[in-house]
Amino acid sequence: MARFEKDQQTAASPAPEGRPREQWTGQVGFILSAIGSAVGLGNIWRFPGVAYENGGGAFLVPYLIALLTAGIPILFLDYAIGHRFRGAAPTAFRRLGGRTGRWMESLGWFQVTIAFVIGLYYTVVIAWSLSFFVFSFDLRWGDDPAAFLTGEYLQTGDPGFSLEFVPGVLIPLAIVWVLAIAVLAAGVAKGLQRVNVIALPVLVIAFLILVVRALFLDGAAEGLNALFTPDWTALADPNVWIAAYSQIFFSLSIAFGIMITYASYRKRRSNLTTPGLVVAFSNSSFEILAGIGVFATLGFFAFSQGVAIDELEGLTGVGLSFITFPAIVSQMPGGPIFGCLFFGSLALAGFTSLVSVLQVVSAAVQEKFGLSTRRAALSVGIVSAILSMLIFSTTTGLLALDVVDQWANNIGIVASAILTTVLVLWVARKGPELRYHLDSLSTFRVGRVWVLLVSVLAPLVLGYMLVSRIVVLITEGYGGMPPWYLLVFGWGTVLVLVVGAVVLSVLRWKRSPDDFTAWPEYPPLSAERAAPGATSRGAKGARS
């Protein structure tokens, strides 16, 4: 690869081969798309339960600290890498690495393989949501939603690998894949942006209606008290702080290529940090809104059952969404409408996140192998769809999803974040350059504190998270499943991520990796220009 310094000698030159890179139409389109990516399934089914189990209202203290000290700084890091080096994750890291670009490229492909694996099973949850949206009209799950989910609907079998397909899952799953491929093939502005501009406001309106309805249910106040009553003693528990950092980290779509790819489509003079703050706080606001809606509803359920909130089961994940909520819908006035709103919101939130995950893979393949947007979308989409249906639309799909998700998220993404912060800030020493790039464009300047947070605090916290999780998975297993099953679908997933990253990084580029070059007017900094307050372009010149 030609060294990045060559770009500095071609001021304001067009991209090689005369092929313009796709761009968002403006700042609003980028912000809505980034929020759509961040707001996903985890906001609705993970945050409320995590907050409740980790101190209630007191959890908001470590949650906010984690947002300010890790979530937003790493989000800015992704933005800076993507926009500064103007490419999908492998391209951006290759350029960032200079002479060691080939090895840095493997980090980008590691992030791509994580996104690829997540896309395989994320679509299945959306397919379930679409099915339950339809089931809400006649409350088809009956009096025992748990038995309906695992029995009649998913037909769940023992751990293993089965080719016994479940039609009720396969059909909506195929529909989701067709829609996702169509969005990717339409491109950044006409596909991703257009979907988010339409879907995100619809999602917010639908969920607001759901929350308002939930607040007027009997027992709603008790549910909110259970969620927000602070247990200040919980702040002395290190696991509560780890839970806060974990929630922030997983909910912002950071460290696995999404925000790097999204930032690479921004215009030359684009404010980066202020939109980042909007995205981060919008995501957290939606999480709190979800907490209010979910626990107001759980308060009604506990009231109708004559039990306390802490006696309820299934307060997070699949259990909350597809067992507890259907049971609640069956008992509440106007249940079918409430069910349609909930599962419709779940499907919309999942879909806006799904297309961002798939774009990471599609953009990387497009740049590496010289494909058009449509060909890359079709290639990635068709392969992903086939694998997704083979693994997750069968009678063992639920078990495979649970295990793969656990390892891809808690091992893959956390390891990716640690590698990114260490390699970029310590090995490549790009902290001053990326800080200058953010400050020269943005109205909100990050300063040296940002470099300290992403280079020291973030890897320390994330390293503790990773090591502790690996120890638990090795010593205690997961979900009571057989060790051989965890070895194949859990640790096997990690092996696929690593091998895939290495293989893809050594394959030959079909087009020059310097196509869609980095912005030439922001060269690496000299020591003088890296000094505090020294910028060649003030923030006043930043515009979207």
Protein backbone atom coordinates (compact mmCIF):
# COMPACT_ATOMS: atom_id res chain seq x y z
CA MET A 1 0.00 0.00 0.00
CA ALA A 2 1.27 3.47 -0.81
CA ARG A 3 2.13 5.21 2.40
CA PHE A 4 -0.39 7.63 3.78
CA GLU A 5 2.12 10.48 3.59
CA LYS A 6 1.70 10.51 -0.20
CA ASP A 7 -1.78 11.89 0.31
CA GLN A 8 -0.31 15.03 1.85
CA GLN A 9 1.35 15.91 -1.48
CA THR A 10 -1.94 15.86 -3.39
CA ALA A 11 -3.84 18.67 -1.76
CA ALA A 12 -7.53 18.64 -2.55
CA SER A 13 -7.01 16.08 -5.30
CA PRO A 14 -10.01 13.96 -6.33
CA ALA A 15 -10.24 10.29 -5.42
CA PRO A 16 -8.24 8.02 -7.75
CA GLU A 17 -10.04 6.55 -10.71
CA GLY A 18 -12.51 9.44 -10.50
CA ARG A 19 -14.91 7.37 -8.40
CA PRO A 20 -16.56 9.55 -5.74
CA ARG A 21 -17.20 7.95 -2.40
CA GLU A 22 -20.79 7.69 -1.24
CA GLN A 23 -21.83 10.29 1.33
CA TRP A 24 -24.68 11.13 3.63
CA THR A 25 -26.75 13.99 2.25
CA GLY A 26 -26.11 16.05 5.37
CA GLN A 27 -25.56 16.10 9.10
CA VAL A 28 -29.18 15.29 9.98
CA GLY A 29 -29.13 12.17 7.82
CA PHE A 30 -25.91 11.02 9.49
CA ILE A 31 -27.20 11.68 13.00
CA LEU A 32 -30.47 9.84 12.42
CA SER A 33 -28.62 6.91 10.89
CA ALA A 34 -26.13 6.76 13.75
CA ILE A 35 -28.94 6.92 16.32
CA GLY A 36 -30.79 4.22 14.41
CA SER A 37 -27.72 2.02 14.65
CA ALA A 38 -27.24 2.65 18.37
CA VAL A 39 -30.90 2.23 19.32
CA GLY A 40 -31.51 -1.48 18.98
CA LEU A 41 -32.83 -4.55 20.73
CA GLY A 42 -30.56 -4.09 23.74
CA ASN A 43 -32.06 -0.69 24.57
CA ILE A 44 -35.48 -2.25 25.04
CA TRP A 45 -34.79 -5.66 26.50
CA ARG A 46 -31.42 -5.26 28.23
CA PHE A 47 -31.10 -1.86 29.89
CA PRO A 48 -34.20 -1.96 32.13
CA GLY A 49 -33.30 -5.33 33.63
CA VAL A 50 -29.61 -4.46 34.05
CA ALA A 51 -30.48 -1.21 35.82
CA TYR A 52 -32.98 -2.95 38.11
CA GLU A 53 -30.52 -5.69 39.07
CA ASN A 54 -27.65 -3.25 39.73
CA GLY A 55 -28.95 -0.69 42.17
CA GLY A 56 -32.03 0.77 40.46
CA GLY A 57 -31.82 4.55 40.46
CA ALA A 58 -28.29 4.37 41.86
CA PHE A 59 -27.22 2.56 38.69
CA LEU A 60 -27.65 5.80 36.77
CA VAL A 61 -24.54 7.18 38.53
CA PRO A 62 -22.03 4.61 37.17
CA TYR A 63 -24.04 4.52 33.94
CA LEU A 64 -23.50 8.25 33.36
CA ILE A 65 -19.85 8.06 34.39
CA ALA A 66 -19.32 5.15 31.99
CA LEU A 67 -20.99 7.12 29.21
CA LEU A 68 -18.71 10.12 29.75
CA THR A 69 -15.43 8.28 30.37
CA ALA A 70 -15.68 5.36 27.91
CA GLY A 71 -18.73 5.40 25.67
CA ILE A 72 -18.41 8.88 24.20
CA PRO A 73 -14.57 8.85 24.01
CA ILE A 74 -14.48 5.55 22.09
CA LEU A 75 -17.34 6.79 19.89
CA PHE A 76 -15.20 9.83 19.05
CA LEU A 77 -12.26 7.51 18.35
CA ASP A 78 -14.33 5.56 15.82
CA TYR A 79 -15.50 8.81 14.21
CA ALA A 80 -11.95 10.16 13.98
CA ILE A 81 -10.53 6.98 12.43
CA GLY A 82 -13.36 6.61 9.92
CA HIS A 83 -13.38 10.22 8.77
CA ARG A 84 -9.64 10.85 8.93
CA PHE A 85 -8.71 7.77 6.93
CA ARG A 86 -11.93 7.67 4.93
CA GLY A 87 -12.74 4.00 4.57
CA ALA A 88 -14.45 0.97 6.01
CA ALA A 89 -12.65 -0.57 9.00
CA PRO A 90 -10.00 -2.60 7.09
CA THR A 91 -9.19 0.28 4.73
CA ALA A 92 -9.06 2.85 7.52
CA PHE A 93 -6.81 0.75 9.76
CA ARG A 94 -4.51 -0.12 6.85
CA ARG A 95 -3.99 3.56 6.09
CA LEU A 96 -3.62 4.39 9.76
CA GLY A 97 -0.89 1.78 10.20
CA GLY A 98 1.50 3.20 7.60
CA ARG A 99 4.30 0.66 7.03
CA THR A 100 2.58 -1.83 9.35
CA GLY A 101 -0.71 -1.29 7.56
CA ARG A 102 -1.19 -4.95 6.60
CA TRP A 103 -1.23 -5.98 10.26
CA MET A 104 -3.47 -3.11 11.26
CA GLU A 105 -5.78 -4.13 8.43
CA SER A 106 -6.34 -7.45 10.21
CA LEU A 107 -7.84 -5.52 13.14
CA GLY A 108 -10.31 -4.00 10.71
CA TRP A 109 -11.22 -7.43 9.37
CA PHE A 110 -11.61 -8.70 12.93
CA GLN A 111 -14.27 -6.03 13.41
CA VAL A 112 -15.87 -6.98 10.09
CA THR A 113 -16.08 -10.66 11.03
CA ILE A 114 -17.72 -9.70 14.33
CA ALA A 115 -20.33 -7.69 12.42
CA PHE A 116 -20.81 -10.59 10.00
CA VAL A 117 -21.51 -13.07 12.81
CA ILE A 118 -23.82 -10.68 14.66
CA GLY A 119 -25.78 -10.07 11.47
CA LEU A 120 -26.45 -13.80 11.12
CA TYR A 121 -28.42 -14.06 14.34
CA TYR A 122 -29.66 -10.49 14.75
CA THR A 123 -31.98 -11.04 11.79
CA VAL A 124 -33.58 -13.99 13.57
CA VAL A 125 -34.67 -11.89 16.55
CA ILE A 126 -36.24 -9.41 14.14
CA ALA A 127 -38.03 -12.31 12.45
CA TRP A 128 -39.38 -13.42 15.84
CA SER A 129 -40.56 -9.86 16.50
CA LEU A 130 -42.42 -9.79 13.18
CA SER A 131 -44.06 -13.12 14.02
CA PHE A 132 -45.17 -11.93 17.45
CA PHE A 133 -46.42 -8.70 15.91
CA VAL A 134 -48.83 -10.88 13.91
CA PHE A 135 -49.54 -13.13 16.90
CA SER A 136 -50.59 -10.05 18.91
CA PHE A 137 -53.78 -9.64 16.90
CA ASP A 138 -55.33 -12.85 18.28
CA LEU A 139 -53.03 -13.44 21.29
CA ARG A 140 -51.98 -16.70 19.72
CA TRP A 141 -49.56 -17.60 22.50
CA GLY A 142 -52.49 -18.40 24.80
CA ASP A 143 -52.11 -18.82 28.56
CA ASP A 144 -48.54 -20.17 28.53
CA PRO A 145 -46.23 -17.94 26.45
CA ALA A 146 -43.11 -19.82 27.57
CA ALA A 147 -44.41 -23.14 26.29
CA PHE A 148 -45.65 -21.45 23.11
CA LEU A 149 -42.26 -19.86 22.39
CA THR A 150 -40.03 -22.87 22.92
CA GLY A 151 -42.58 -25.48 21.87
CA GLU A 152 -45.16 -24.56 19.25
CA TYR A 153 -43.27 -21.63 17.72
CA LEU A 154 -39.52 -22.40 17.89
CA GLN A 155 -39.90 -26.17 18.42
CA THR A 156 -36.66 -26.06 20.40
CA GLY A 157 -34.68 -29.29 20.56
CA ASP A 158 -31.60 -30.42 22.47
CA PRO A 159 -28.20 -28.76 21.97
CA GLY A 160 -26.67 -29.83 18.69
CA PHE A 161 -26.98 -29.05 15.00
CA SER A 162 -30.20 -29.74 13.16
CA LEU A 163 -31.43 -29.21 9.62
CA GLU A 164 -35.04 -29.49 10.72
CA PHE A 165 -36.34 -26.08 9.67
CA VAL A 166 -39.13 -24.26 11.46
CA PRO A 167 -41.43 -22.68 8.83
CA GLY A 168 -42.73 -20.07 11.26
CA VAL A 169 -39.19 -18.76 11.65
CA LEU A 170 -37.84 -19.43 8.17
CA ILE A 171 -40.46 -17.41 6.30
CA PRO A 172 -40.19 -14.12 8.28
CA LEU A 173 -36.41 -14.58 8.38
CA ALA A 174 -36.32 -14.72 4.58
CA ILE A 175 -38.46 -11.56 4.44
CA VAL A 176 -36.06 -9.72 6.77
CA TRP A 177 -33.07 -10.71 4.62
CA VAL A 178 -34.75 -9.57 1.41
CA LEU A 179 -35.52 -6.18 2.96
CA ALA A 180 -32.01 -5.81 4.40
CA ILE A 181 -30.32 -6.67 1.09
CA ALA A 182 -32.57 -4.19 -0.73
CA VAL A 183 -31.56 -1.41 1.67
CA LEU A 184 -27.84 -2.19 1.32
CA ALA A 185 -28.06 -2.37 -2.48
CA ALA A 186 -29.72 1.08 -2.60
CA GLY A 187 -26.60 2.67 -1.12
CA VAL A 188 -25.83 5.01 1.73
CA ALA A 189 -28.11 7.96 0.98
CA LYS A 190 -30.96 6.18 -0.80
CA GLY A 191 -30.83 3.06 1.36
CA LEU A 192 -29.46 3.41 4.88
CA GLN A 193 -30.28 7.07 5.37
CA ARG A 194 -33.76 6.88 3.87
CA VAL A 195 -34.71 3.88 6.04
CA ASN A 196 -33.55 5.61 9.22
CA VAL A 197 -35.18 8.93 8.37
CA ILE A 198 -38.49 7.08 8.09
CA ALA A 199 -38.14 4.30 10.65
CA LEU A 200 -36.59 6.20 13.57
CA PRO A 201 -39.39 8.78 13.99
CA VAL A 202 -41.97 5.99 13.63
CA LEU A 203 -40.13 3.99 16.30
CA VAL A 204 -40.03 6.92 18.72
CA ILE A 205 -43.71 7.77 18.20
CA ALA A 206 -44.83 4.16 18.60
CA PHE A 207 -42.76 3.66 21.72
CA LEU A 208 -43.96 6.93 23.25
CA ILE A 209 -47.56 5.77 22.76
CA LEU A 210 -46.65 2.46 24.41
CA VAL A 211 -44.99 4.22 27.38
CA VAL A 212 -47.90 6.62 27.91
CA ARG A 213 -50.34 3.69 27.87
CA ALA A 214 -48.17 1.76 30.33
CA LEU A 215 -48.08 4.67 32.79
CA PHE A 216 -51.85 4.51 33.24
CA LEU A 217 -51.95 0.80 34.08
CA ASP A 218 -52.71 -0.38 37.62
CA GLY A 219 -49.45 -0.99 39.43
CA ALA A 220 -47.35 1.15 37.08
CA ALA A 221 -46.14 3.35 39.96
CA GLU A 222 -44.87 0.31 41.86
CA GLY A 223 -42.97 -0.78 38.78
CA LEU A 224 -41.30 2.63 38.42
CA ASN A 225 -40.47 2.68 42.12
CA ALA A 226 -38.79 -0.70 41.75
CA LEU A 227 -36.70 0.59 38.84
CA PHE A 228 -35.70 4.01 40.13
CA THR A 229 -35.52 3.57 43.93
CA PRO A 230 -31.77 3.84 44.52
CA ASP A 231 -29.78 1.22 46.37
CA TRP A 232 -26.71 3.28 47.15
CA THR A 233 -24.88 0.33 48.68
CA ALA A 234 -24.68 -1.17 45.18
CA LEU A 235 -22.14 1.51 44.21
CA ALA A 236 -19.58 -0.25 46.38
CA ASP A 237 -19.87 -3.40 44.25
CA PRO A 238 -17.31 -3.46 41.38
CA ASN A 239 -19.66 -5.68 39.36
CA VAL A 240 -22.22 -2.86 39.23
CA TRP A 241 -19.64 -0.57 37.64
CA ILE A 242 -18.64 -3.26 35.19
CA ALA A 243 -22.32 -3.73 34.31
CA ALA A 244 -22.60 0.02 33.65
CA TYR A 245 -19.55 0.10 31.37
CA SER A 246 -20.77 -3.05 29.65
CA GLN A 247 -24.22 -1.57 28.97
CA ILE A 248 -22.82 1.68 27.58
CA PHE A 249 -20.28 -0.14 25.49
CA PHE A 250 -22.73 -2.54 23.86
CA SER A 251 -25.51 -0.03 23.30
CA LEU A 252 -23.52 2.58 21.34
CA SER A 253 -22.47 0.36 18.39
CA ILE A 254 -18.80 1.08 18.99
CA ALA A 255 -15.59 -0.88 18.37
CA PHE A 256 -16.83 -3.23 15.68
CA GLY A 257 -16.67 -1.10 12.60
CA ILE A 258 -20.09 0.55 12.44
CA MET A 259 -19.19 4.09 13.43
CA ILE A 260 -15.87 3.93 11.55
CA THR A 261 -17.78 3.05 8.39
CA TYR A 262 -20.53 5.59 9.00
CA ALA A 263 -18.03 8.41 9.68
CA SER A 264 -16.19 7.59 6.45
CA TYR A 265 -19.28 8.69 4.50
CA ARG A 266 -19.29 12.17 6.02
CA LYS A 267 -18.43 15.23 3.97
CA ARG A 268 -15.00 16.86 3.98
CA ARG A 269 -15.86 19.63 6.43
CA SER A 270 -18.02 17.82 8.97
CA ASN A 271 -18.50 18.55 12.63
CA LEU A 272 -17.74 15.23 14.33
CA THR A 273 -17.94 15.61 18.10
CA THR A 274 -21.19 17.55 18.48
CA PRO A 275 -23.19 15.00 16.45
CA GLY A 276 -21.44 12.32 18.53
CA LEU A 277 -22.82 13.89 21.70
CA VAL A 278 -26.29 14.02 20.15
CA VAL A 279 -26.09 10.33 19.20
CA ALA A 280 -24.79 9.23 22.61
CA PHE A 281 -27.33 11.13 24.68
CA SER A 282 -30.20 10.23 22.33
CA ASN A 283 -29.31 6.57 22.75
CA SER A 284 -29.21 6.88 26.54
CA SER A 285 -32.47 8.84 26.57
CA PHE A 286 -34.18 6.07 24.64
CA GLU A 287 -32.80 3.51 27.10
CA ILE A 288 -34.30 5.40 30.03
CA LEU A 289 -37.58 5.76 28.12
CA ALA A 290 -37.53 2.01 27.52
CA GLY A 291 -36.92 1.44 31.22
CA ILE A 292 -39.95 3.54 32.11
CA GLY A 293 -42.20 1.70 29.65
CA VAL A 294 -40.97 -1.78 30.52
CA PHE A 295 -41.13 -1.39 34.30
CA ALA A 296 -44.46 0.39 34.29
CA THR A 297 -45.74 -2.64 32.38
CA LEU A 298 -44.02 -5.07 34.74
CA GLY A 299 -45.60 -3.20 37.64
CA PHE A 300 -49.02 -3.93 36.16
CA PHE A 301 -48.09 -7.60 35.71
CA ALA A 302 -46.91 -7.92 39.31
CA PHE A 303 -50.08 -6.16 40.52
CA SER A 304 -52.33 -8.48 38.52
CA GLN A 305 -50.43 -11.53 39.82
CA GLY A 306 -50.48 -10.30 43.39
CA VAL A 307 -46.68 -10.54 43.72
CA ALA A 308 -43.74 -8.17 44.12
CA ILE A 309 -41.59 -7.08 41.19
CA ASP A 310 -38.60 -9.01 42.51
CA GLU A 311 -40.64 -12.23 42.33
CA LEU A 312 -41.07 -11.94 38.56
CA GLU A 313 -38.82 -13.89 36.20
CA GLY A 314 -37.55 -13.03 32.74
CA LEU A 315 -36.64 -9.35 33.15
CA THR A 316 -34.08 -9.23 30.33
CA GLY A 317 -33.42 -10.58 26.86
CA VAL A 318 -35.52 -13.16 25.07
CA GLY A 319 -37.44 -14.02 28.23
CA LEU A 320 -38.61 -10.44 28.74
CA SER A 321 -39.62 -9.82 25.15
CA PHE A 322 -41.13 -13.13 24.09
CA ILE A 323 -42.38 -14.67 27.34
CA THR A 324 -43.05 -11.99 29.98
CA PHE A 325 -44.47 -9.35 27.63
CA PRO A 326 -46.86 -11.73 25.83
CA ALA A 327 -48.14 -12.81 29.25
CA ILE A 328 -48.69 -9.16 30.17
CA VAL A 329 -50.41 -8.39 26.87
CA SER A 330 -52.87 -11.24 27.48
CA GLN A 331 -53.99 -9.70 30.76
CA MET A 332 -54.11 -5.98 30.07
CA PRO A 333 -56.98 -3.94 28.59
CA GLY A 334 -56.43 -3.37 24.87
CA GLY A 335 -53.70 -6.01 24.92
CA PRO A 336 -53.55 -6.67 21.16
CA ILE A 337 -52.86 -3.00 20.40
CA PHE A 338 -50.19 -2.86 23.11
CA GLY A 339 -48.63 -6.05 21.75
CA CYS A 340 -48.52 -4.67 18.21
CA LEU A 341 -46.83 -1.49 19.43
CA PHE A 342 -44.26 -3.38 21.46
CA PHE A 343 -43.28 -5.98 18.88
CA GLY A 344 -43.48 -3.45 16.05
CA SER A 345 -41.08 -1.20 17.98
CA LEU A 346 -38.80 -4.16 18.64
CA ALA A 347 -38.70 -5.02 14.93
CA LEU A 348 -38.02 -1.41 13.87
CA ALA A 349 -35.27 -0.92 16.47
CA GLY A 350 -33.69 -4.19 15.41
CA PHE A 351 -33.86 -3.46 11.68
CA THR A 352 -32.22 -0.02 11.87
CA SER A 353 -29.36 -1.62 13.81
CA LEU A 354 -29.20 -4.63 11.49
CA VAL A 355 -28.58 -2.61 8.33
CA SER A 356 -25.74 -0.76 10.04
CA VAL A 357 -24.13 -4.07 11.05
CA LEU A 358 -24.42 -5.44 7.52
CA GLN A 359 -23.08 -2.21 6.01
CA VAL A 360 -19.82 -2.79 7.87
CA VAL A 361 -19.35 -6.07 5.99
CA SER A 362 -20.66 -4.83 2.66
CA ALA A 363 -18.47 -1.70 2.63
CA ALA A 364 -15.34 -3.66 3.52
CA VAL A 365 -15.96 -6.25 0.80
CA GLN A 366 -16.76 -3.52 -1.71
CA GLU A 367 -13.46 -1.73 -1.10
CA LYS A 368 -11.23 -4.82 -0.85
CA PHE A 369 -12.54 -6.62 -3.91
CA GLY A 370 -13.44 -3.65 -6.10
CA LEU A 371 -17.18 -4.37 -6.25
CA SER A 372 -20.02 -1.97 -6.87
CA THR A 373 -22.39 -1.14 -4.02
CA ARG A 374 -25.07 -3.43 -5.43
CA ARG A 375 -22.76 -6.38 -6.09
CA ALA A 376 -21.23 -6.13 -2.63
CA ALA A 377 -24.67 -5.98 -1.01
CA LEU A 378 -25.89 -8.99 -2.97
CA SER A 379 -22.73 -11.01 -2.32
CA VAL A 380 -22.68 -10.34 1.42
CA GLY A 381 -26.45 -10.54 1.79
CA ILE A 382 -26.97 -13.83 -0.03
CA VAL A 383 -24.11 -15.61 1.77
CA SER A 384 -25.25 -14.25 5.13
CA ALA A 385 -28.88 -15.16 4.49
CA ILE A 386 -28.04 -18.77 3.61
CA LEU A 387 -25.88 -19.24 6.71
CA SER A 388 -28.43 -17.49 8.92
CA MET A 389 -31.24 -19.75 7.75
CA LEU A 390 -29.14 -22.92 8.03
CA ILE A 391 -28.09 -22.21 11.60
CA PHE A 392 -30.84 -20.14 13.22
CA SER A 393 -34.14 -21.10 11.59
CA THR A 394 -33.92 -24.70 12.76
CA THR A 395 -35.06 -26.41 15.96
CA THR A 396 -31.67 -25.67 17.56
CA GLY A 397 -31.62 -22.04 16.49
CA LEU A 398 -32.51 -20.56 19.88
CA LEU A 399 -29.68 -22.36 21.67
CA ALA A 400 -27.14 -21.50 18.97
CA LEU A 401 -28.19 -17.84 19.06
CA ASP A 402 -27.79 -17.64 22.83
CA VAL A 403 -24.27 -19.09 22.79
CA VAL A 404 -22.96 -17.28 19.70
CA ASP A 405 -24.29 -13.95 20.98
CA GLN A 406 -22.59 -14.44 24.34
CA TRP A 407 -19.16 -15.09 22.81
CA ALA A 408 -19.39 -12.60 19.93
CA ASN A 409 -20.38 -9.75 22.24
CA ASN A 410 -18.57 -10.42 25.51
CA ILE A 411 -15.38 -11.79 23.97
CA GLY A 412 -15.25 -10.53 20.38
CA ILE A 413 -16.37 -6.92 20.72
CA VAL A 414 -14.58 -6.29 24.01
CA ALA A 415 -11.34 -7.74 22.61
CA SER A 416 -11.76 -5.56 19.51
CA ALA A 417 -12.09 -2.43 21.63
CA ILE A 418 -8.99 -3.27 23.66
CA LEU A 419 -6.95 -3.97 20.52
CA THR A 420 -8.18 -0.76 18.89
CA THR A 421 -7.25 1.49 21.80
CA VAL A 422 -3.88 -0.17 22.36
CA LEU A 423 -2.79 -0.44 18.71
CA VAL A 424 -4.03 2.99 17.63
CA LEU A 425 -2.98 4.98 20.71
CA TRP A 426 0.10 3.10 21.94
CA VAL A 427 1.57 1.24 18.96
CA ALA A 428 0.72 3.56 16.05
CA ARG A 429 0.75 6.63 18.36
CA LYS A 430 -2.06 8.31 16.48
CA GLY A 431 -3.60 10.01 19.51
CA PRO A 432 -2.35 13.56 18.77
CA GLU A 433 -3.23 13.31 15.09
CA LEU A 434 -6.75 12.05 15.73
CA ARG A 435 -7.30 14.60 18.49
CA TYR A 436 -6.21 17.36 16.16
CA HIS A 437 -8.51 16.06 13.45
CA LEU A 438 -11.49 16.12 15.80
CA ASP A 439 -10.65 19.55 17.20
CA SER A 440 -9.95 21.16 13.83
CA LEU A 441 -13.41 20.23 12.57
CA SER A 442 -15.68 20.34 15.58
CA THR A 443 -17.27 22.95 17.79
CA PHE A 444 -16.78 20.72 20.86
CA ARG A 445 -13.05 20.11 21.34
CA VAL A 446 -11.85 16.95 23.04
CA GLY A 447 -8.38 17.98 24.27
CA ARG A 448 -5.78 15.81 25.93
CA VAL A 449 -8.27 14.38 28.40
CA TRP A 450 -9.84 12.42 25.55
CA VAL A 451 -6.50 10.82 24.68
CA LEU A 452 -6.02 9.86 28.32
CA LEU A 453 -9.47 8.26 28.54
CA VAL A 454 -9.17 6.16 25.39
CA SER A 455 -5.53 5.18 25.91
CA VAL A 456 -5.53 4.39 29.64
CA LEU A 457 -8.93 4.15 31.31
CA ALA A 458 -10.81 2.38 28.50
CA PRO A 459 -8.31 -0.49 27.97
CA LEU A 460 -7.99 -1.02 31.73
CA VAL A 461 -11.75 -1.27 32.32
CA LEU A 462 -12.35 -3.31 29.18
CA GLY A 463 -9.40 -5.58 29.99
CA TYR A 464 -10.90 -6.35 33.39
CA MET A 465 -14.26 -7.04 31.75
CA LEU A 466 -12.71 -9.40 29.21
CA VAL A 467 -10.56 -11.37 31.65
CA SER A 468 -13.35 -11.77 34.20
CA ARG A 469 -15.79 -12.94 31.56
CA ILE A 470 -13.34 -15.46 30.09
CA VAL A 471 -12.68 -16.88 33.57
CA VAL A 472 -16.40 -17.29 34.24
CA LEU A 473 -17.06 -18.95 30.87
CA ILE A 474 -14.17 -21.37 31.34
CA THR A 475 -14.84 -22.28 34.95
CA GLU A 476 -18.64 -22.16 35.09
CA GLY A 477 -19.72 -22.73 31.49
CA TYR A 478 -22.84 -21.05 30.21
CA GLY A 479 -26.55 -21.75 30.52
CA GLY A 480 -26.04 -25.31 31.70
CA MET A 481 -25.16 -26.40 28.16
CA PRO A 482 -22.77 -29.28 27.40
CA PRO A 483 -19.07 -28.31 27.27
CA TRP A 484 -18.71 -29.69 23.74
CA TYR A 485 -21.54 -27.43 22.56
CA LEU A 486 -19.92 -24.36 24.10
CA LEU A 487 -16.61 -25.36 22.55
CA VAL A 488 -18.13 -25.60 19.07
CA PHE A 489 -20.55 -22.68 19.04
CA GLY A 490 -18.88 -20.45 21.65
CA TRP A 491 -15.11 -20.73 21.37
CA GLY A 492 -15.57 -21.85 17.78
CA THR A 493 -17.12 -18.43 17.08
CA VAL A 494 -14.01 -16.72 18.44
CA LEU A 495 -11.83 -18.96 16.27
CA VAL A 496 -13.87 -18.02 13.19
CA LEU A 497 -13.41 -14.32 14.01
CA VAL A 498 -9.64 -14.63 14.33
CA VAL A 499 -9.05 -16.90 11.33
CA GLY A 500 -11.40 -14.84 9.17
CA ALA A 501 -9.53 -11.66 10.07
CA VAL A 502 -6.13 -13.15 9.21
CA VAL A 503 -7.24 -14.75 5.94
CA LEU A 504 -9.05 -11.66 4.67
CA SER A 505 -6.14 -9.39 5.51
CA VAL A 506 -3.63 -11.42 3.44
CA LEU A 507 -5.85 -11.65 0.37
CA ARG A 508 -4.81 -9.39 -2.47
CA TRP A 509 -6.62 -6.10 -2.98
CA LYS A 510 -8.56 -6.09 -6.26
CA ARG A 511 -8.36 -2.31 -6.35
CA SER A 512 -5.89 0.08 -4.82
CA PRO A 513 -6.41 0.54 -1.09
CA ASP A 514 -5.65 4.21 -1.75
CA ASP A 515 -8.89 4.62 -3.70
CA PHE A 516 -11.24 6.95 -1.81
CA THR A 517 -8.14 8.48 -0.23
CA ALA A 518 -7.95 10.12 3.15
CA TRP A 519 -8.68 13.82 3.23
CA PRO A 520 -5.38 15.36 2.07
CA GLU A 521 -5.70 18.72 3.84
CA TYR A 522 -5.36 17.19 7.32
CA PRO A 523 -1.79 15.78 7.36
CA PRO A 524 -0.17 14.14 10.39
CA LEU A 525 0.86 16.65 13.02
CA SER A 526 4.26 17.96 13.82
CA ALA A 527 5.11 18.34 17.47
CA GLU A 528 4.44 22.09 17.30
CA ARG A 529 1.01 21.70 15.70
CA ALA A 530 0.10 19.06 18.26
CA ALA A 531 0.69 21.56 21.05
CA PRO A 532 -2.33 22.56 23.14
CA GLY A 533 -4.52 25.04 21.32
CA ALA A 534 -2.58 24.82 18.08
CA THR A 535 -4.84 24.15 15.12
CA SER A 536 -4.59 25.30 11.54
CA ARG A 537 -8.33 25.40 11.21
CA GLY A 538 -10.48 26.70 14.01
CA ALA A 539 -13.67 25.10 15.07
CA LYS A 540 -15.51 28.10 13.71
CA GLY A 541 -14.88 26.80 10.23
CA ALA A 542 -16.53 23.47 10.89
CA ARG A 543 -19.75 22.82 9.12
CA SER A 544 -21.79 19.79 8.21
